[in-house]
Amino acid sequence: MAAAAMVMGCRPTEAAATKAQTGGGEQAASAAWSCGAVHGPATLTRALGHGARLKLGAVADTNGAAPATLANLERLGGVFAGEHVDAVVALGDLGRTEDEIATVLTALARAAQAPVLALAGEREPEAAFHAAVKRAGGDVVDLVDTRLVDTGSVDIVAAPGYPFSRKGCHYSAADLDGEARLVAGRDHARLLVAHTPPKGRGAGAIDWAIGDVNAGDAAMASLVERLHPAAALFAHVDEAGGRADGERVNVGTRGVIVELDGGKATHRVLP
């Protein structure tokens, strides 16, 4: 949903930090909003879908509320409304200020005519993100405070943040253990939604970034293996947007529709 004129993708400085991955994350953590830990049960029971069927739209990386960005959100939201999605997941990097984040969430909810499940990425400051979700009102769910949405047949598991964030939402590898504990013993199909993609291998992976590096996180890859989700949606590396590894999809600046039915998942990347 970023405007076409916006610079997309993992910034070169991030790519360099990812390539090194020795100490950079620890230094970044000292100044970051550590939103990654799971506090309390963090579960919301919310009936969504039709029996075992669930259809979701997904967007990410708007990076603000420029007019062209809002126009693209209106377009994608219209597609989601026409598809009668049960909810829309906003996978982070929505903006840096309360005004930007709230504007994006409000526009998306209005256009899609569906609940919005909002995740923080690496850019959102703590106070601004929570305030924007509340300000958007209506039917917007804060996926930092709520980590598991029990729809009745599918568990939507949220993992916000970026491990190398310097100003926004940060998580550690230990924080991701809380995600696994949250769903332990539950027998619903799982959909993992996260801002940071898992660490991949090579140029065909869903985390291949500017600088010719795999910019994903090894700890996130480990979480994916532990959860065995029917599908998983990621963001952050915009230049890999629309790429998929089975039903593990990097939304990037694209719009995606994912459908789960009886524990099986399919997805479509929107033009």
Protein backbone atom coordinates (compact mmCIF):
# COMPACT_ATOMS: atom_id res chain seq x y z
CA MET A 1 0.00 0.00 0.00
CA ALA A 2 3.01 2.20 -0.06
CA ALA A 3 2.88 4.79 -2.78
CA ALA A 4 4.74 3.80 -5.92
CA ALA A 5 7.13 6.70 -5.47
CA MET A 6 8.14 5.56 -2.00
CA VAL A 7 11.42 3.74 -1.54
CA MET A 8 10.49 0.16 -0.76
CA GLY A 9 12.37 -2.63 0.91
CA CYS A 10 14.76 -3.36 3.70
CA ARG A 11 17.10 -0.39 3.95
CA PRO A 12 20.78 -0.97 3.10
CA THR A 13 21.79 -0.23 6.70
CA GLU A 14 19.40 -2.94 7.88
CA ALA A 15 20.71 -5.35 5.29
CA ALA A 16 24.26 -4.75 6.52
CA ALA A 17 23.17 -5.31 10.10
CA THR A 18 21.40 -8.49 9.10
CA LYS A 19 24.42 -9.74 7.19
CA ALA A 20 26.58 -9.22 10.29
CA GLN A 21 24.06 -10.43 12.89
CA THR A 22 26.75 -10.40 15.55
CA GLY A 23 25.92 -7.97 18.32
CA GLY A 24 23.77 -5.63 16.23
CA GLY A 25 20.54 -7.02 17.60
CA GLU A 26 21.69 -6.71 21.21
CA GLN A 27 22.75 -3.09 20.70
CA ALA A 28 19.44 -2.26 19.05
CA ALA A 29 17.48 -3.90 21.84
CA SER A 30 18.81 -1.47 24.43
CA ALA A 31 16.97 1.45 22.79
CA ALA A 32 13.94 -0.35 21.39
CA TRP A 33 10.39 -0.77 22.59
CA SER A 34 10.48 -4.36 23.85
CA CYS A 35 6.94 -5.36 22.88
CA GLY A 36 7.76 -8.98 22.19
CA ALA A 37 7.04 -10.60 25.55
CA VAL A 38 3.67 -12.31 26.00
CA HIS A 39 2.00 -11.01 29.15
CA GLY A 40 -0.74 -13.04 30.81
CA PRO A 41 -3.15 -15.19 28.81
CA ALA A 42 -3.25 -12.57 26.00
CA THR A 43 -6.13 -14.45 24.36
CA LEU A 44 -9.26 -13.07 22.71
CA THR A 45 -12.16 -15.34 21.81
CA ARG A 46 -13.81 -13.88 18.75
CA ALA A 47 -16.15 -15.76 16.43
CA LEU A 48 -14.94 -15.23 12.87
CA GLY A 49 -15.59 -17.16 9.69
CA HIS A 50 -18.17 -19.77 8.84
CA GLY A 51 -17.64 -23.03 10.65
CA ALA A 52 -14.18 -24.30 9.76
CA ARG A 53 -13.78 -21.70 7.01
CA LEU A 54 -11.96 -18.42 7.55
CA LYS A 55 -11.05 -15.79 4.94
CA LEU A 56 -8.67 -12.97 5.79
CA GLY A 57 -7.19 -10.04 3.91
CA ALA A 58 -3.66 -8.86 4.72
CA VAL A 59 -1.73 -5.64 4.16
CA ALA A 60 1.57 -4.32 5.49
CA ASP A 61 4.27 -1.67 5.32
CA THR A 62 2.19 1.39 4.50
CA ASN A 63 4.90 3.47 6.21
CA GLY A 64 2.61 6.45 6.67
CA ALA A 65 -0.58 7.97 5.33
CA ALA A 66 0.44 9.70 2.10
CA PRO A 67 -2.46 10.38 -0.30
CA ALA A 68 -1.28 7.71 -2.76
CA THR A 69 -0.97 5.20 0.08
CA LEU A 70 -4.50 5.91 1.29
CA ALA A 71 -5.80 5.59 -2.26
CA ASN A 72 -4.18 2.17 -2.55
CA LEU A 73 -5.65 1.16 0.81
CA GLU A 74 -9.06 2.22 -0.46
CA ARG A 75 -8.56 0.05 -3.54
CA LEU A 76 -7.40 -3.01 -1.59
CA GLY A 77 -10.06 -2.50 1.05
CA GLY A 78 -12.66 -2.49 -1.71
CA VAL A 79 -11.34 -5.84 -2.94
CA PHE A 80 -11.50 -7.24 0.59
CA ALA A 81 -15.08 -5.98 0.98
CA GLY A 82 -16.06 -7.53 -2.33
CA GLU A 83 -14.49 -10.82 -1.23
CA HIS A 84 -16.41 -10.65 2.07
CA VAL A 85 -13.31 -11.30 4.17
CA ASP A 86 -13.94 -12.09 7.82
CA ALA A 87 -11.17 -9.72 8.98
CA VAL A 88 -8.07 -7.89 7.73
CA VAL A 89 -4.63 -8.25 9.29
CA ALA A 90 -2.36 -5.17 9.20
CA LEU A 91 1.15 -6.57 9.61
CA GLY A 92 3.03 -3.55 10.91
CA ASP A 93 5.15 -0.62 9.77
CA LEU A 94 1.93 1.34 9.43
CA GLY A 95 3.45 4.67 10.46
CA ARG A 96 5.69 6.47 12.94
CA THR A 97 3.11 8.70 14.63
CA GLU A 98 -0.27 8.20 16.25
CA ASP A 99 -1.90 10.26 13.50
CA GLU A 100 -0.37 8.17 10.71
CA ILE A 101 -1.20 4.83 12.31
CA ALA A 102 -4.75 5.82 13.25
CA THR A 103 -5.42 7.21 9.76
CA VAL A 104 -4.24 3.98 8.13
CA LEU A 105 -6.28 1.75 10.45
CA THR A 106 -9.42 3.87 10.12
CA ALA A 107 -9.19 3.98 6.33
CA LEU A 108 -8.60 0.24 6.10
CA ALA A 109 -11.51 -0.68 8.40
CA ARG A 110 -13.85 1.66 6.52
CA ALA A 111 -12.91 0.40 3.07
CA ALA A 112 -12.79 -3.31 3.93
CA GLN A 113 -16.00 -3.23 6.01
CA ALA A 114 -14.43 -5.82 8.31
CA PRO A 115 -12.61 -6.02 11.66
CA VAL A 116 -8.91 -5.10 11.54
CA LEU A 117 -6.28 -7.02 13.52
CA ALA A 118 -3.36 -4.58 13.92
CA LEU A 119 0.24 -5.66 14.49
CA ALA A 120 3.18 -3.42 15.35
CA GLY A 121 6.27 -3.60 13.15
CA GLU A 122 9.69 -2.06 13.68
CA ARG A 123 8.62 1.58 13.20
CA GLU A 124 5.70 2.10 15.59
CA PRO A 125 6.54 3.77 18.93
CA GLU A 126 4.81 2.12 21.89
CA ALA A 127 2.52 4.92 23.05
CA ALA A 128 1.66 5.94 19.49
CA PHE A 129 0.67 2.42 18.46
CA HIS A 130 -1.61 1.67 21.40
CA ALA A 131 -3.18 5.14 21.26
CA ALA A 132 -3.79 4.86 17.52
CA VAL A 133 -5.55 1.50 17.88
CA LYS A 134 -7.83 2.97 20.54
CA ARG A 135 -8.40 6.11 18.47
CA ALA A 136 -9.31 4.10 15.37
CA GLY A 137 -12.09 2.65 17.50
CA GLY A 138 -14.75 0.55 15.90
CA ASP A 139 -13.51 -2.98 15.43
CA VAL A 140 -9.71 -2.76 15.59
CA VAL A 141 -7.86 -5.35 17.70
CA ASP A 142 -4.43 -4.62 19.21
CA LEU A 143 -2.27 -7.66 18.40
CA VAL A 144 0.47 -6.54 20.78
CA ASP A 145 -1.83 -6.88 23.78
CA THR A 146 -3.74 -9.81 22.22
CA ARG A 147 -1.46 -12.56 20.91
CA LEU A 148 -3.99 -15.29 20.21
CA VAL A 149 -7.36 -14.74 18.56
CA ASP A 150 -9.47 -17.87 18.94
CA THR A 151 -11.96 -17.72 16.06
CA GLY A 152 -13.64 -20.97 16.99
CA SER A 153 -11.85 -23.10 14.40
CA VAL A 154 -8.55 -21.27 13.78
CA ASP A 155 -6.05 -19.80 16.23
CA ILE A 156 -4.54 -16.58 14.85
CA VAL A 157 -1.16 -16.26 16.59
CA ALA A 158 0.50 -12.82 16.49
CA ALA A 159 4.23 -12.11 16.79
CA PRO A 160 4.81 -8.33 16.57
CA GLY A 161 8.04 -6.43 16.10
CA TYR A 162 11.49 -6.75 14.59
CA PRO A 163 14.52 -8.10 16.48
CA PHE A 164 16.86 -5.34 15.27
CA SER A 165 14.52 -2.38 15.77
CA ARG A 166 16.20 0.72 17.22
CA LYS A 167 13.15 2.87 17.95
CA GLY A 168 10.05 0.75 17.45
CA CYS A 169 8.75 -2.65 18.49
CA HIS A 170 11.49 -5.15 19.40
CA TYR A 171 11.35 -8.82 20.36
CA SER A 172 13.98 -11.31 21.50
CA ALA A 173 14.28 -14.99 20.67
CA ALA A 174 13.20 -15.78 24.24
CA ASP A 175 10.00 -13.76 23.72
CA LEU A 176 8.96 -16.10 20.91
CA ASP A 177 8.92 -18.98 23.38
CA GLY A 178 5.87 -17.30 24.91
CA GLU A 179 4.06 -17.61 21.59
CA ALA A 180 4.67 -21.35 21.52
CA ARG A 181 3.54 -21.78 25.12
CA LEU A 182 0.36 -19.83 24.41
CA VAL A 183 -0.90 -22.40 21.92
CA ALA A 184 0.54 -25.54 23.49
CA GLY A 185 -2.08 -28.27 23.73
CA ARG A 186 -4.65 -26.48 21.57
CA ASP A 187 -6.06 -28.46 18.64
CA HIS A 188 -7.19 -25.65 16.32
CA ALA A 189 -5.53 -25.00 12.98
CA ARG A 190 -3.05 -22.13 13.30
CA LEU A 191 -2.36 -19.01 11.31
CA LEU A 192 0.84 -17.19 12.29
CA VAL A 193 0.93 -13.45 11.57
CA ALA A 194 4.25 -11.66 12.13
CA HIS A 195 6.04 -8.57 10.92
CA THR A 196 9.45 -10.24 10.64
CA PRO A 197 9.87 -13.07 8.13
CA PRO A 198 11.75 -16.25 9.02
CA LYS A 199 15.36 -16.64 7.96
CA GLY A 200 15.51 -18.27 4.55
CA ARG A 201 18.19 -19.43 2.14
CA GLY A 202 19.04 -17.92 -1.19
CA ALA A 203 17.51 -15.49 -3.64
CA GLY A 204 14.22 -17.35 -3.91
CA ALA A 205 13.36 -17.06 -0.22
CA ILE A 206 10.61 -14.84 1.17
CA ASP A 207 13.18 -12.73 3.07
CA TRP A 208 15.57 -11.94 0.17
CA ALA A 209 16.46 -8.27 0.53
CA ILE A 210 18.36 -5.37 -0.99
CA GLY A 211 22.06 -6.05 -0.47
CA ASP A 212 21.66 -9.69 -1.56
CA VAL A 213 20.99 -11.03 1.92
CA ASN A 214 18.36 -13.11 3.62
CA ALA A 215 17.04 -10.50 6.07
CA GLY A 216 14.76 -12.76 8.09
CA ASP A 217 15.21 -14.01 11.62
CA ALA A 218 16.42 -17.50 12.56
CA ALA A 219 14.39 -17.39 15.78
CA MET A 220 11.24 -16.71 13.76
CA ALA A 221 12.08 -19.65 11.51
CA SER A 222 12.33 -21.80 14.63
CA LEU A 223 8.93 -20.55 15.83
CA VAL A 224 7.35 -21.47 12.50
CA GLU A 225 8.69 -24.99 12.82
CA ARG A 226 7.41 -25.28 16.39
CA LEU A 227 3.92 -24.00 15.61
CA HIS A 228 3.39 -25.90 12.34
CA PRO A 229 0.86 -23.31 11.13
CA ALA A 230 -1.49 -24.08 8.26
CA ALA A 231 -0.42 -20.68 6.88
CA ALA A 232 1.83 -17.81 7.93
CA LEU A 233 1.90 -14.16 6.85
CA PHE A 234 4.97 -11.92 7.12
CA ALA A 235 6.10 -8.45 5.99
CA HIS A 236 9.08 -6.05 6.42
CA VAL A 237 11.10 -7.08 3.34
CA ASP A 238 9.05 -5.24 0.75
CA GLU A 239 11.11 -6.30 -2.23
CA ALA A 240 10.12 -9.91 -1.47
CA GLY A 241 6.43 -8.95 -1.27
CA GLY A 242 4.18 -11.49 -2.94
CA ARG A 243 6.67 -14.34 -2.63
CA ALA A 244 5.56 -17.56 -1.01
CA ASP A 245 7.02 -20.79 0.27
CA GLY A 246 3.94 -22.98 0.22
CA GLU A 247 1.46 -21.07 2.40
CA ARG A 248 4.18 -19.00 4.08
CA VAL A 249 3.74 -15.63 2.38
CA ASN A 250 5.58 -12.33 2.48
CA VAL A 251 2.85 -9.72 2.09
CA GLY A 252 5.29 -6.80 1.74
CA THR A 253 3.53 -3.90 0.04
CA ARG A 254 1.11 -6.24 -1.71
CA GLY A 255 -2.39 -7.23 -0.66
CA VAL A 256 -3.02 -10.90 0.09
CA ILE A 257 -6.10 -13.00 0.75
CA VAL A 258 -5.63 -16.23 2.72
CA GLU A 259 -8.35 -18.81 3.18
CA LEU A 260 -8.40 -21.66 5.69
CA ASP A 261 -10.90 -24.46 5.47
CA GLY A 262 -10.74 -27.57 7.63
CA GLY A 263 -7.10 -26.89 8.51
CA LYS A 264 -6.00 -26.50 4.89
CA ALA A 265 -4.89 -23.10 3.56
CA THR A 266 -4.61 -21.34 0.23
CA HIS A 267 -3.61 -17.78 -0.61
CA ARG A 268 -3.87 -15.26 -3.42
CA VAL A 269 -1.62 -12.25 -4.00
CA LEU A 270 -3.62 -9.29 -5.28
CA PRO A 271 -2.43 -7.25 -8.29
